[in-house]
Amino acid sequence: MSKLLERLKLIWANLKTKFSDSRYNVAKIGALLLIAALVLTWLGLTWWALGVLIATGFVDLYLVLKKKDTISNWIHDLFPRAIDAIIMVGLLIFTWFVFGPTGFVPVLIGVIIGHILWH
């Protein structure tokens, strides 16, 4: 149990460091835009969500062109892989409850393709 507690303390310390590091401010804005798109999607405001996702893409493109850590780089640095996996499963469950099987399957395919091609 003490090893788990130590590991959680390290994760918490890492989170505090990454959130307070000003080098990631633009990536943080991009992450907030992703959360906004998720909420807009949940509210059924599809076109607004799409607009926010396009803005998020421009933020990420800016980071790439400036050779800075992208939104996904920053998010992946926040947590160990196991917690990343838990977050992804949570998002998949969210997708199932919001869109049902018809919306879930394309998202699941996207997750699988992303896992295979982008890591």
PDB file of N, CA and C in Angstrom:
ATOM      1  N   MET A   1       0.818  -1.190   0.000  1.00  0.00           N
ATOM      2  CA  MET A   1       0.000   0.000   0.000  1.00  0.00           C
ATOM      3  C   MET A   1       0.870   1.265   0.000  1.00  0.00           C
ATOM      4  N   SER A   2       1.998   1.219   0.685  1.00  0.00           N
ATOM      5  CA  SER A   2       2.853   2.397   0.748  1.00  0.00           C
ATOM      6  C   SER A   2       3.482   2.700  -0.612  1.00  0.00           C
ATOM      7  N   LYS A   3       3.737   1.646  -1.423  1.00  0.00           N
ATOM      8  CA  LYS A   3       4.268   1.876  -2.770  1.00  0.00           C
ATOM      9  C   LYS A   3       3.230   2.601  -3.627  1.00  0.00           C
ATOM     10  N   LEU A   4       1.977   2.196  -3.492  1.00  0.00           N
ATOM     11  CA  LEU A   4       0.906   2.846  -4.233  1.00  0.00           C
ATOM     12  C   LEU A   4       0.779   4.301  -3.805  1.00  0.00           C
ATOM     13  N   LEU A   5       0.847   4.550  -2.527  1.00  0.00           N
ATOM     14  CA  LEU A   5       0.764   5.920  -2.016  1.00  0.00           C
ATOM     15  C   LEU A   5       1.928   6.763  -2.526  1.00  0.00           C
ATOM     16  N   GLU A   6       3.120   6.199  -2.534  1.00  0.00           N
ATOM     17  CA  GLU A   6       4.284   6.911  -3.063  1.00  0.00           C
ATOM     18  C   GLU A   6       4.107   7.214  -4.550  1.00  0.00           C
ATOM     19  N   ARG A   7       3.582   6.243  -5.284  1.00  0.00           N
ATOM     20  CA  ARG A   7       3.358   6.430  -6.725  1.00  0.00           C
ATOM     21  C   ARG A   7       2.341   7.540  -6.965  1.00  0.00           C
ATOM     22  N   LEU A   8       1.266   7.548  -6.166  1.00  0.00           N
ATOM     23  CA  LEU A   8       0.253   8.590  -6.294  1.00  0.00           C
ATOM     24  C   LEU A   8       0.822   9.969  -5.948  1.00  0.00           C
ATOM     25  N   LYS A   9       1.710  10.021  -4.970  1.00  0.00           N
ATOM     26  CA  LYS A   9       2.359  11.286  -4.628  1.00  0.00           C
ATOM     27  C   LYS A   9       3.221  11.788  -5.779  1.00  0.00           C
ATOM     28  N   LEU A  10       3.923  10.872  -6.440  1.00  0.00           N
ATOM     29  CA  LEU A  10       4.738  11.254  -7.598  1.00  0.00           C
ATOM     30  C   LEU A  10       3.871  11.764  -8.752  1.00  0.00           C
ATOM     31  N   ILE A  11       2.754  11.083  -8.984  1.00  0.00           N
ATOM     32  CA  ILE A  11       1.833  11.508 -10.040  1.00  0.00           C
ATOM     33  C   ILE A  11       1.300  12.902  -9.720  1.00  0.00           C
ATOM     34  N   TRP A  12       0.917  13.129  -8.468  1.00  0.00           N
ATOM     35  CA  TRP A  12       0.395  14.424  -8.055  1.00  0.00           C
ATOM     36  C   TRP A  12       1.455  15.519  -8.214  1.00  0.00           C
ATOM     37  N   ALA A  13       2.677  15.222  -7.823  1.00  0.00           N
ATOM     38  CA  ALA A  13       3.768  16.195  -7.958  1.00  0.00           C
ATOM     39  C   ALA A  13       4.001  16.530  -9.426  1.00  0.00           C
ATOM     40  N   ASN A  14       3.948  15.516 -10.289  1.00  0.00           N
ATOM     41  CA  ASN A  14       4.115  15.723 -11.722  1.00  0.00           C
ATOM     42  C   ASN A  14       2.991  16.603 -12.271  1.00  0.00           C
ATOM     43  N   LEU A  15       1.768  16.332 -11.843  1.00  0.00           N
ATOM     44  CA  LEU A  15       0.636  17.137 -12.294  1.00  0.00           C
ATOM     45  C   LEU A  15       0.821  18.602 -11.912  1.00  0.00           C
ATOM     46  N   LYS A  16       1.206  18.849 -10.671  1.00  0.00           N
ATOM     47  CA  LYS A  16       1.408  20.229 -10.213  1.00  0.00           C
ATOM     48  C   LYS A  16       2.499  20.914 -11.032  1.00  0.00           C
ATOM     49  N   THR A  17       3.583  20.188 -11.303  1.00  0.00           N
ATOM     50  CA  THR A  17       4.685  20.754 -12.081  1.00  0.00           C
ATOM     51  C   THR A  17       4.236  21.092 -13.496  1.00  0.00           C
ATOM     52  N   LYS A  18       3.569  20.157 -14.150  1.00  0.00           N
ATOM     53  CA  LYS A  18       3.148  20.355 -15.547  1.00  0.00           C
ATOM     54  C   LYS A  18       2.078  21.439 -15.678  1.00  0.00           C
ATOM     55  N   PHE A  19       1.195  21.537 -14.678  1.00  0.00           N
ATOM     56  CA  PHE A  19       0.157  22.562 -14.745  1.00  0.00           C
ATOM     57  C   PHE A  19       0.713  23.956 -14.462  1.00  0.00           C
ATOM     58  N   SER A  20       1.767  24.043 -13.677  1.00  0.00           N
ATOM     59  CA  SER A  20       2.310  25.358 -13.347  1.00  0.00           C
ATOM     60  C   SER A  20       3.385  25.822 -14.333  1.00  0.00           C
ATOM     61  N   ASP A  21       3.837  24.942 -15.210  1.00  0.00           N
ATOM     62  CA  ASP A  21       4.885  25.279 -16.178  1.00  0.00           C
ATOM     63  C   ASP A  21       4.300  26.144 -17.301  1.00  0.00           C
ATOM     64  N   SER A  22       4.775  27.374 -17.405  1.00  0.00           N
ATOM     65  CA  SER A  22       4.228  28.320 -18.387  1.00  0.00           C
ATOM     66  C   SER A  22       4.569  27.935 -19.834  1.00  0.00           C
ATOM     67  N   ARG A  23       5.534  27.039 -20.034  1.00  0.00           N
ATOM     68  CA  ARG A  23       5.856  26.596 -21.404  1.00  0.00           C
ATOM     69  C   ARG A  23       4.674  25.897 -22.056  1.00  0.00           C
ATOM     70  N   TYR A  24       3.758  25.401 -21.247  1.00  0.00           N
ATOM     71  CA  TYR A  24       2.623  24.635 -21.767  1.00  0.00           C
ATOM     72  C   TYR A  24       1.334  25.454 -21.855  1.00  0.00           C
ATOM     73  N   ASN A  25       1.409  26.782 -21.709  1.00  0.00           N
ATOM     74  CA  ASN A  25       0.187  27.584 -21.668  1.00  0.00           C
ATOM     75  C   ASN A  25      -0.675  27.428 -22.916  1.00  0.00           C
ATOM     76  N   VAL A  26      -0.068  27.417 -24.089  1.00  0.00           N
ATOM     77  CA  VAL A  26      -0.850  27.274 -25.321  1.00  0.00           C
ATOM     78  C   VAL A  26      -1.450  25.874 -25.394  1.00  0.00           C
ATOM     79  N   ALA A  27      -0.703  24.863 -25.004  1.00  0.00           N
ATOM     80  CA  ALA A  27      -1.228  23.492 -24.985  1.00  0.00           C
ATOM     81  C   ALA A  27      -2.387  23.372 -23.995  1.00  0.00           C
ATOM     82  N   LYS A  28      -2.300  24.082 -22.878  1.00  0.00           N
ATOM     83  CA  LYS A  28      -3.394  24.073 -21.893  1.00  0.00           C
ATOM     84  C   LYS A  28      -4.660  24.677 -22.498  1.00  0.00           C
ATOM     85  N   ILE A  29      -4.488  25.746 -23.270  1.00  0.00           N
ATOM     86  CA  ILE A  29      -5.641  26.350 -23.946  1.00  0.00           C
ATOM     87  C   ILE A  29      -6.263  25.336 -24.910  1.00  0.00           C
ATOM     88  N   GLY A  30      -5.417  24.633 -25.650  1.00  0.00           N
ATOM     89  CA  GLY A  30      -5.909  23.604 -26.561  1.00  0.00           C
ATOM     90  C   GLY A  30      -6.653  22.502 -25.825  1.00  0.00           C
ATOM     91  N   ALA A  31      -6.143  22.093 -24.659  1.00  0.00           N
ATOM     92  CA  ALA A  31      -6.813  21.057 -23.865  1.00  0.00           C
ATOM     93  C   ALA A  31      -8.168  21.557 -23.372  1.00  0.00           C
ATOM     94  N   LEU A  32      -8.240  22.816 -22.966  1.00  0.00           N
ATOM     95  CA  LEU A  32      -9.528  23.393 -22.549  1.00  0.00           C
ATOM     96  C   LEU A  32     -10.507  23.438 -23.719  1.00  0.00           C
ATOM     97  N   LEU A  33     -10.000  23.724 -24.909  1.00  0.00           N
ATOM     98  CA  LEU A  33     -10.860  23.701 -26.091  1.00  0.00           C
ATOM     99  C   LEU A  33     -11.408  22.298 -26.350  1.00  0.00           C
ATOM    100  N   LEU A  34     -10.577  21.289 -26.138  1.00  0.00           N
ATOM    101  CA  LEU A  34     -11.054  19.907 -26.305  1.00  0.00           C
ATOM    102  C   LEU A  34     -12.167  19.578 -25.318  1.00  0.00           C
ATOM    103  N   ILE A  35     -11.996  20.030 -24.077  1.00  0.00           N
ATOM    104  CA  ILE A  35     -13.038  19.804 -23.064  1.00  0.00           C
ATOM    105  C   ILE A  35     -14.313  20.539 -23.469  1.00  0.00           C
ATOM    106  N   ALA A  36     -14.159  21.772 -23.965  1.00  0.00           N
ATOM    107  CA  ALA A  36     -15.326  22.531 -24.417  1.00  0.00           C
ATOM    108  C   ALA A  36     -16.039  21.798 -25.551  1.00  0.00           C
ATOM    109  N   ALA A  37     -15.278  21.237 -26.489  1.00  0.00           N
ATOM    110  CA  ALA A  37     -15.877  20.482 -27.597  1.00  0.00           C
ATOM    111  C   ALA A  37     -16.616  19.256 -27.075  1.00  0.00           C
ATOM    112  N   LEU A  38     -16.060  18.602 -26.072  1.00  0.00           N
ATOM    113  CA  LEU A  38     -16.721  17.442 -25.474  1.00  0.00           C
ATOM    114  C   LEU A  38     -18.056  17.845 -24.863  1.00  0.00           C
ATOM    115  N   VAL A  39     -18.070  18.935 -24.129  1.00  0.00           N
ATOM    116  CA  VAL A  39     -19.306  19.414 -23.501  1.00  0.00           C
ATOM    117  C   VAL A  39     -20.321  19.842 -24.563  1.00  0.00           C
ATOM    118  N   LEU A  40     -19.864  20.577 -25.572  1.00  0.00           N
ATOM    119  CA  LEU A  40     -20.768  21.002 -26.647  1.00  0.00           C
ATOM    120  C   LEU A  40     -21.365  19.800 -27.375  1.00  0.00           C
ATOM    121  N   THR A  41     -20.566  18.770 -27.567  1.00  0.00           N
ATOM    122  CA  THR A  41     -21.061  17.545 -28.196  1.00  0.00           C
ATOM    123  C   THR A  41     -22.133  16.905 -27.338  1.00  0.00           C
ATOM    124  N   TRP A  42     -21.871  16.827 -26.052  1.00  0.00           N
ATOM    125  CA  TRP A  42     -22.826  16.242 -25.108  1.00  0.00           C
ATOM    126  C   TRP A  42     -24.138  17.019 -25.118  1.00  0.00           C
ATOM    127  N   LEU A  43     -24.057  18.333 -25.293  1.00  0.00           N
ATOM    128  CA  LEU A  43     -25.257  19.172 -25.335  1.00  0.00           C
ATOM    129  C   LEU A  43     -25.954  19.124 -26.697  1.00  0.00           C
ATOM    130  N   GLY A  44     -25.363  18.396 -27.637  1.00  0.00           N
ATOM    131  CA  GLY A  44     -25.963  18.266 -28.957  1.00  0.00           C
ATOM    132  C   GLY A  44     -25.694  19.457 -29.872  1.00  0.00           C
ATOM    133  N   LEU A  45     -24.724  20.285 -29.523  1.00  0.00           N
ATOM    134  CA  LEU A  45     -24.374  21.455 -30.321  1.00  0.00           C
ATOM    135  C   LEU A  45     -23.223  21.087 -31.273  1.00  0.00           C
ATOM    136  N   THR A  46     -23.548  20.226 -32.215  1.00  0.00           N
ATOM    137  CA  THR A  46     -22.547  19.602 -33.078  1.00  0.00           C
ATOM    138  C   THR A  46     -21.730  20.618 -33.860  1.00  0.00           C
ATOM    139  N   TRP A  47     -22.373  21.590 -34.473  1.00  0.00           N
ATOM    140  CA  TRP A  47     -21.633  22.550 -35.302  1.00  0.00           C
ATOM    141  C   TRP A  47     -20.719  23.421 -34.456  1.00  0.00           C
ATOM    142  N   TRP A  48     -21.165  23.786 -33.254  1.00  0.00           N
ATOM    143  CA  TRP A  48     -20.304  24.545 -32.347  1.00  0.00           C
ATOM    144  C   TRP A  48     -19.105  23.692 -31.938  1.00  0.00           C
ATOM    145  N   ALA A  49     -19.376  22.418 -31.638  1.00  0.00           N
ATOM    146  CA  ALA A  49     -18.293  21.507 -31.256  1.00  0.00           C
ATOM    147  C   ALA A  49     -17.290  21.368 -32.397  1.00  0.00           C
ATOM    148  N   LEU A  50     -17.789  21.260 -33.615  1.00  0.00           N
ATOM    149  CA  LEU A  50     -16.896  21.153 -34.770  1.00  0.00           C
ATOM    150  C   LEU A  50     -16.042  22.415 -34.907  1.00  0.00           C
ATOM    151  N   GLY A  51     -16.660  23.576 -34.719  1.00  0.00           N
ATOM    152  CA  GLY A  51     -15.905  24.831 -34.779  1.00  0.00           C
ATOM    153  C   GLY A  51     -14.812  24.889 -33.728  1.00  0.00           C
ATOM    154  N   VAL A  52     -15.127  24.443 -32.515  1.00  0.00           N
ATOM    155  CA  VAL A  52     -14.131  24.430 -31.437  1.00  0.00           C
ATOM    156  C   VAL A  52     -13.022  23.433 -31.761  1.00  0.00           C
ATOM    157  N   LEU A  53     -13.369  22.287 -32.343  1.00  0.00           N
ATOM    158  CA  LEU A  53     -12.347  21.314 -32.731  1.00  0.00           C
ATOM    159  C   LEU A  53     -11.437  21.861 -33.830  1.00  0.00           C
ATOM    160  N   ILE A  54     -12.003  22.615 -34.752  1.00  0.00           N
ATOM    161  CA  ILE A  54     -11.170  23.236 -35.788  1.00  0.00           C
ATOM    162  C   ILE A  54     -10.213  24.240 -35.143  1.00  0.00           C
ATOM    163  N   ALA A  55     -10.729  25.033 -34.195  1.00  0.00           N
ATOM    164  CA  ALA A  55      -9.862  25.975 -33.481  1.00  0.00           C
ATOM    165  C   ALA A  55      -8.757  25.223 -32.735  1.00  0.00           C
ATOM    166  N   THR A  56      -9.110  24.088 -32.143  1.00  0.00           N
ATOM    167  CA  THR A  56      -8.124  23.262 -31.444  1.00  0.00           C
ATOM    168  C   THR A  56      -7.044  22.788 -32.414  1.00  0.00           C
ATOM    169  N   GLY A  57      -7.454  22.408 -33.615  1.00  0.00           N
ATOM    170  CA  GLY A  57      -6.496  21.991 -34.638  1.00  0.00           C
ATOM    171  C   GLY A  57      -5.530  23.108 -34.988  1.00  0.00           C
ATOM    172  N   PHE A  58      -6.039  24.333 -35.075  1.00  0.00           N
ATOM    173  CA  PHE A  58      -5.159  25.473 -35.356  1.00  0.00           C
ATOM    174  C   PHE A  58      -4.179  25.718 -34.210  1.00  0.00           C
ATOM    175  N   VAL A  59      -4.652  25.546 -32.977  1.00  0.00           N
ATOM    176  CA  VAL A  59      -3.759  25.694 -31.814  1.00  0.00           C
ATOM    177  C   VAL A  59      -2.646  24.655 -31.895  1.00  0.00           C
ATOM    178  N   ASP A  60      -3.006  23.405 -32.179  1.00  0.00           N
ATOM    179  CA  ASP A  60      -2.008  22.339 -32.256  1.00  0.00           C
ATOM    180  C   ASP A  60      -1.047  22.572 -33.424  1.00  0.00           C
ATOM    181  N   LEU A  61      -1.572  23.018 -34.561  1.00  0.00           N
ATOM    182  CA  LEU A  61      -0.729  23.320 -35.710  1.00  0.00           C
ATOM    183  C   LEU A  61       0.266  24.438 -35.375  1.00  0.00           C
ATOM    184  N   TYR A  62      -0.191  25.449 -34.664  1.00  0.00           N
ATOM    185  CA  TYR A  62       0.691  26.528 -34.218  1.00  0.00           C
ATOM    186  C   TYR A  62       1.834  25.957 -33.375  1.00  0.00           C
ATOM    187  N   LEU A  63       1.484  25.048 -32.439  1.00  0.00           N
ATOM    188  CA  LEU A  63       2.506  24.453 -31.580  1.00  0.00           C
ATOM    189  C   LEU A  63       3.511  23.638 -32.394  1.00  0.00           C
ATOM    190  N   VAL A  64       3.033  22.914 -33.379  1.00  0.00           N
ATOM    191  CA  VAL A  64       3.927  22.127 -34.238  1.00  0.00           C
ATOM    192  C   VAL A  64       4.870  23.054 -35.003  1.00  0.00           C
ATOM    193  N   LEU A  65       4.315  24.112 -35.588  1.00  0.00           N
ATOM    194  CA  LEU A  65       5.130  25.037 -36.375  1.00  0.00           C
ATOM    195  C   LEU A  65       6.160  25.769 -35.513  1.00  0.00           C
ATOM    196  N   LYS A  66       5.817  26.021 -34.263  1.00  0.00           N
ATOM    197  CA  LYS A  66       6.744  26.685 -33.337  1.00  0.00           C
ATOM    198  C   LYS A  66       7.688  25.686 -32.653  1.00  0.00           C
ATOM    199  N   LYS A  67       7.541  24.408 -33.028  1.00  0.00           N
ATOM    200  CA  LYS A  67       8.371  23.335 -32.469  1.00  0.00           C
ATOM    201  C   LYS A  67       8.266  23.266 -30.940  1.00  0.00           C
ATOM    202  N   LYS A  68       7.028  23.393 -30.458  1.00  0.00           N
ATOM    203  CA  LYS A  68       6.745  23.276 -29.025  1.00  0.00           C
ATOM    204  C   LYS A  68       5.961  21.990 -28.792  1.00  0.00           C
ATOM    205  N   ASP A  69       5.851  21.606 -27.524  1.00  0.00           N
ATOM    206  CA  ASP A  69       5.050  20.428 -27.199  1.00  0.00           C
ATOM    207  C   ASP A  69       3.599  20.665 -27.594  1.00  0.00           C
ATOM    208  N   THR A  70       3.018  19.681 -28.281  1.00  0.00           N
ATOM    209  CA  THR A  70       1.631  19.781 -28.717  1.00  0.00           C
ATOM    210  C   THR A  70       0.690  19.489 -27.558  1.00  0.00           C
ATOM    211  N   ILE A  71      -0.594  19.623 -27.831  1.00  0.00           N
ATOM    212  CA  ILE A  71      -1.602  19.338 -26.807  1.00  0.00           C
ATOM    213  C   ILE A  71      -1.455  17.896 -26.330  1.00  0.00           C
ATOM    214  N   SER A  72      -1.340  16.974 -27.270  1.00  0.00           N
ATOM    215  CA  SER A  72      -1.228  15.562 -26.880  1.00  0.00           C
ATOM    216  C   SER A  72       0.079  15.288 -26.146  1.00  0.00           C
ATOM    217  N   ASN A  73       1.171  15.954 -26.528  1.00  0.00           N
ATOM    218  CA  ASN A  73       2.430  15.786 -25.779  1.00  0.00           C
ATOM    219  C   ASN A  73       2.233  16.172 -24.322  1.00  0.00           C
ATOM    220  N   TRP A  74       1.597  17.326 -24.109  1.00  0.00           N
ATOM    221  CA  TRP A  74       1.388  17.812 -22.742  1.00  0.00           C
ATOM    222  C   TRP A  74       0.482  16.866 -21.959  1.00  0.00           C
ATOM    223  N   ILE A  75      -0.612  16.430 -22.584  1.00  0.00           N
ATOM    224  CA  ILE A  75      -1.552  15.542 -21.886  1.00  0.00           C
ATOM    225  C   ILE A  75      -0.883  14.206 -21.574  1.00  0.00           C
ATOM    226  N   HIS A  76      -0.117  13.651 -22.525  1.00  0.00           N
ATOM    227  CA  HIS A  76       0.567  12.379 -22.270  1.00  0.00           C
ATOM    228  C   HIS A  76       1.613  12.512 -21.174  1.00  0.00           C
ATOM    229  N   ASP A  77       2.222  13.671 -21.052  1.00  0.00           N
ATOM    230  CA  ASP A  77       3.205  13.888 -19.992  1.00  0.00           C
ATOM    231  C   ASP A  77       2.574  14.008 -18.604  1.00  0.00           C
ATOM    232  N   LEU A  78       1.279  14.293 -18.560  1.00  0.00           N
ATOM    233  CA  LEU A  78       0.624  14.489 -17.264  1.00  0.00           C
ATOM    234  C   LEU A  78       0.492  13.191 -16.467  1.00  0.00           C
ATOM    235  N   PHE A  79       0.181  12.112 -17.163  1.00  0.00           N
ATOM    236  CA  PHE A  79      -0.174  10.869 -16.483  1.00  0.00           C
ATOM    237  C   PHE A  79       0.637   9.689 -16.995  1.00  0.00           C
ATOM    238  N   PRO A  80       0.791   8.671 -16.150  1.00  0.00           N
ATOM    239  CA  PRO A  80       1.363   7.412 -16.647  1.00  0.00           C
ATOM    240  C   PRO A  80       0.383   6.760 -17.631  1.00  0.00           C
ATOM    241  N   ARG A  81       0.878   5.846 -18.416  1.00  0.00           N
ATOM    242  CA  ARG A  81       0.054   5.176 -19.431  1.00  0.00           C
ATOM    243  C   ARG A  81      -1.208   4.532 -18.852  1.00  0.00           C
ATOM    244  N   ALA A  82      -1.116   3.966 -17.667  1.00  0.00           N
ATOM    245  CA  ALA A  82      -2.281   3.290 -17.075  1.00  0.00           C
ATOM    246  C   ALA A  82      -3.422   4.287 -16.855  1.00  0.00           C
ATOM    247  N   ILE A  83      -3.092   5.476 -16.398  1.00  0.00           N
ATOM    248  CA  ILE A  83      -4.135   6.478 -16.174  1.00  0.00           C
ATOM    249  C   ILE A  83      -4.652   6.998 -17.506  1.00  0.00           C
ATOM    250  N   ASP A  84      -3.773   7.137 -18.496  1.00  0.00           N
ATOM    251  CA  ASP A  84      -4.222   7.489 -19.850  1.00  0.00           C
ATOM    252  C   ASP A  84      -5.264   6.481 -20.339  1.00  0.00           C
ATOM    253  N   ALA A  85      -5.011   5.211 -20.098  1.00  0.00           N
ATOM    254  CA  ALA A  85      -5.932   4.150 -20.531  1.00  0.00           C
ATOM    255  C   ALA A  85      -7.273   4.273 -19.808  1.00  0.00           C
ATOM    256  N   ILE A  86      -7.235   4.565 -18.521  1.00  0.00           N
ATOM    257  CA  ILE A  86      -8.472   4.727 -17.748  1.00  0.00           C
ATOM    258  C   ILE A  86      -9.280   5.915 -18.286  1.00  0.00           C
ATOM    259  N   ILE A  87      -8.592   7.009 -18.595  1.00  0.00           N
ATOM    260  CA  ILE A  87      -9.267   8.176 -19.161  1.00  0.00           C
ATOM    261  C   ILE A  87      -9.901   7.817 -20.497  1.00  0.00           C
ATOM    262  N   MET A  88      -9.174   7.085 -21.343  1.00  0.00           N
ATOM    263  CA  MET A  88      -9.709   6.704 -22.653  1.00  0.00           C
ATOM    264  C   MET A  88     -10.938   5.812 -22.503  1.00  0.00           C
ATOM    265  N   VAL A  89     -10.894   4.865 -21.596  1.00  0.00           N
ATOM    266  CA  VAL A  89     -12.060   4.000 -21.371  1.00  0.00           C
ATOM    267  C   VAL A  89     -13.235   4.845 -20.892  1.00  0.00           C
ATOM    268  N   GLY A  90     -12.960   5.803 -20.011  1.00  0.00           N
ATOM    269  CA  GLY A  90     -14.018   6.695 -19.538  1.00  0.00           C
ATOM    270  C   GLY A  90     -14.650   7.488 -20.677  1.00  0.00           C
ATOM    271  N   LEU A  91     -13.815   7.965 -21.596  1.00  0.00           N
ATOM    272  CA  LEU A  91     -14.341   8.697 -22.749  1.00  0.00           C
ATOM    273  C   LEU A  91     -15.145   7.784 -23.668  1.00  0.00           C
ATOM    274  N   LEU A  92     -14.715   6.544 -23.797  1.00  0.00           N
ATOM    275  CA  LEU A  92     -15.487   5.598 -24.606  1.00  0.00           C
ATOM    276  C   LEU A  92     -16.845   5.315 -23.961  1.00  0.00           C
ATOM    277  N   ILE A  93     -16.870   5.161 -22.651  1.00  0.00           N
ATOM    278  CA  ILE A  93     -18.141   4.957 -21.946  1.00  0.00           C
ATOM    279  C   ILE A  93     -19.039   6.178 -22.126  1.00  0.00           C
ATOM    280  N   PHE A  94     -18.450   7.366 -21.998  1.00  0.00           N
ATOM    281  CA  PHE A  94     -19.194   8.611 -22.233  1.00  0.00           C
ATOM    282  C   PHE A  94     -19.809   8.590 -23.637  1.00  0.00           C
ATOM    283  N   THR A  95     -19.022   8.203 -24.631  1.00  0.00           N
ATOM    284  CA  THR A  95     -19.494   8.162 -26.012  1.00  0.00           C
ATOM    285  C   THR A  95     -20.668   7.198 -26.160  1.00  0.00           C
ATOM    286  N   TRP A  96     -20.579   6.046 -25.525  1.00  0.00           N
ATOM    287  CA  TRP A  96     -21.667   5.058 -25.597  1.00  0.00           C
ATOM    288  C   TRP A  96     -22.952   5.647 -25.031  1.00  0.00           C
ATOM    289  N   PHE A  97     -22.863   6.300 -23.865  1.00  0.00           N
ATOM    290  CA  PHE A  97     -24.068   6.825 -23.224  1.00  0.00           C
ATOM    291  C   PHE A  97     -24.641   8.029 -23.966  1.00  0.00           C
ATOM    292  N   VAL A  98     -23.806   8.831 -24.596  1.00  0.00           N
ATOM    293  CA  VAL A  98     -24.301  10.004 -25.315  1.00  0.00           C
ATOM    294  C   VAL A  98     -24.835   9.626 -26.692  1.00  0.00           C
ATOM    295  N   PHE A  99     -24.132   8.745 -27.411  1.00  0.00           N
ATOM    296  CA  PHE A  99     -24.477   8.468 -28.806  1.00  0.00           C
ATOM    297  C   PHE A  99     -24.993   7.062 -29.068  1.00  0.00           C
ATOM    298  N   GLY A 100     -24.920   6.180 -28.078  1.00  0.00           N
ATOM    299  CA  GLY A 100     -25.351   4.809 -28.295  1.00  0.00           C
ATOM    300  C   GLY A 100     -24.368   4.069 -29.189  1.00  0.00           C
ATOM    301  N   PRO A 101     -24.732   2.848 -29.567  1.00  0.00           N
ATOM    302  CA  PRO A 101     -23.825   2.025 -30.371  1.00  0.00           C
ATOM    303  C   PRO A 101     -23.481   2.646 -31.725  1.00  0.00           C
ATOM    304  N   THR A 102     -24.428   3.362 -32.333  1.00  0.00           N
ATOM    305  CA  THR A 102     -24.191   3.943 -33.655  1.00  0.00           C
ATOM    306  C   THR A 102     -23.080   4.988 -33.614  1.00  0.00           C
ATOM    307  N   GLY A 103     -23.023   5.787 -32.581  1.00  0.00           N
ATOM    308  CA  GLY A 103     -21.959   6.775 -32.454  1.00  0.00           C
ATOM    309  C   GLY A 103     -20.697   6.204 -31.846  1.00  0.00           C
ATOM    310  N   PHE A 104     -20.865   5.152 -31.044  1.00  0.00           N
ATOM    311  CA  PHE A 104     -19.729   4.561 -30.342  1.00  0.00           C
ATOM    312  C   PHE A 104     -18.767   3.850 -31.295  1.00  0.00           C
ATOM    313  N   VAL A 105     -19.311   3.094 -32.249  1.00  0.00           N
ATOM    314  CA  VAL A 105     -18.470   2.272 -33.128  1.00  0.00           C
ATOM    315  C   VAL A 105     -17.462   3.120 -33.920  1.00  0.00           C
ATOM    316  N   PRO A 106     -17.861   4.233 -34.570  1.00  0.00           N
ATOM    317  CA  PRO A 106     -16.846   5.023 -35.277  1.00  0.00           C
ATOM    318  C   PRO A 106     -15.778   5.597 -34.337  1.00  0.00           C
ATOM    319  N   VAL A 107     -16.188   5.984 -33.132  1.00  0.00           N
ATOM    320  CA  VAL A 107     -15.210   6.508 -32.171  1.00  0.00           C
ATOM    321  C   VAL A 107     -14.247   5.399 -31.760  1.00  0.00           C
ATOM    322  N   LEU A 108     -14.771   4.208 -31.515  1.00  0.00           N
ATOM    323  CA  LEU A 108     -13.920   3.082 -31.148  1.00  0.00           C
ATOM    324  C   LEU A 108     -12.937   2.749 -32.270  1.00  0.00           C
ATOM    325  N   ILE A 109     -13.413   2.779 -33.505  1.00  0.00           N
ATOM    326  CA  ILE A 109     -12.515   2.552 -34.638  1.00  0.00           C
ATOM    327  C   ILE A 109     -11.414   3.612 -34.661  1.00  0.00           C
ATOM    328  N   GLY A 110     -11.788   4.863 -34.407  1.00  0.00           N
ATOM    329  CA  GLY A 110     -10.796   5.937 -34.354  1.00  0.00           C
ATOM    330  C   GLY A 110      -9.772   5.724 -33.250  1.00  0.00           C
ATOM    331  N   VAL A 111     -10.235   5.259 -32.084  1.00  0.00           N
ATOM    332  CA  VAL A 111      -9.321   4.986 -30.969  1.00  0.00           C
ATOM    333  C   VAL A 111      -8.350   3.876 -31.348  1.00  0.00           C
ATOM    334  N   ILE A 112      -8.865   2.829 -31.958  1.00  0.00           N
ATOM    335  CA  ILE A 112      -8.011   1.703 -32.348  1.00  0.00           C
ATOM    336  C   ILE A 112      -6.991   2.145 -33.399  1.00  0.00           C
ATOM    337  N   ILE A 113      -7.445   2.870 -34.411  1.00  0.00           N
ATOM    338  CA  ILE A 113      -6.521   3.347 -35.443  1.00  0.00           C
ATOM    339  C   ILE A 113      -5.485   4.276 -34.829  1.00  0.00           C
ATOM    340  N   GLY A 114      -5.934   5.168 -33.942  1.00  0.00           N
ATOM    341  CA  GLY A 114      -4.990   6.073 -33.280  1.00  0.00           C
ATOM    342  C   GLY A 114      -3.963   5.309 -32.461  1.00  0.00           C
ATOM    343  N   HIS A 115      -4.417   4.277 -31.770  1.00  0.00           N
ATOM    344  CA  HIS A 115      -3.511   3.483 -30.959  1.00  0.00           C
ATOM    345  C   HIS A 115      -2.464   2.780 -31.830  1.00  0.00           C
ATOM    346  N   ILE A 116      -2.915   2.271 -32.962  1.00  0.00           N
ATOM    347  CA  ILE A 116      -2.011   1.525 -33.842  1.00  0.00           C
ATOM    348  C   ILE A 116      -1.033   2.453 -34.564  1.00  0.00           C
ATOM    349  N   LEU A 117      -1.523   3.587 -35.066  1.00  0.00           N
ATOM    350  CA  LEU A 117      -0.711   4.416 -35.945  1.00  0.00           C
ATOM    351  C   LEU A 117       0.020   5.572 -35.262  1.00  0.00           C
ATOM    352  N   TRP A 118      -0.458   6.046 -34.112  1.00  0.00           N
ATOM    353  CA  TRP A 118       0.096   7.267 -33.546  1.00  0.00           C
ATOM    354  C   TRP A 118       0.923   7.063 -32.313  1.00  0.00           C
ATOM    355  N   HIS A 119       1.272   5.849 -31.977  1.00  0.00           N
ATOM    356  CA  HIS A 119       2.118   5.639 -30.784  1.00  0.00           C
ATOM    357  C   HIS A 119       3.386   4.946 -31.144  1.00  0.00           C
TER     358      HIS A 119
END
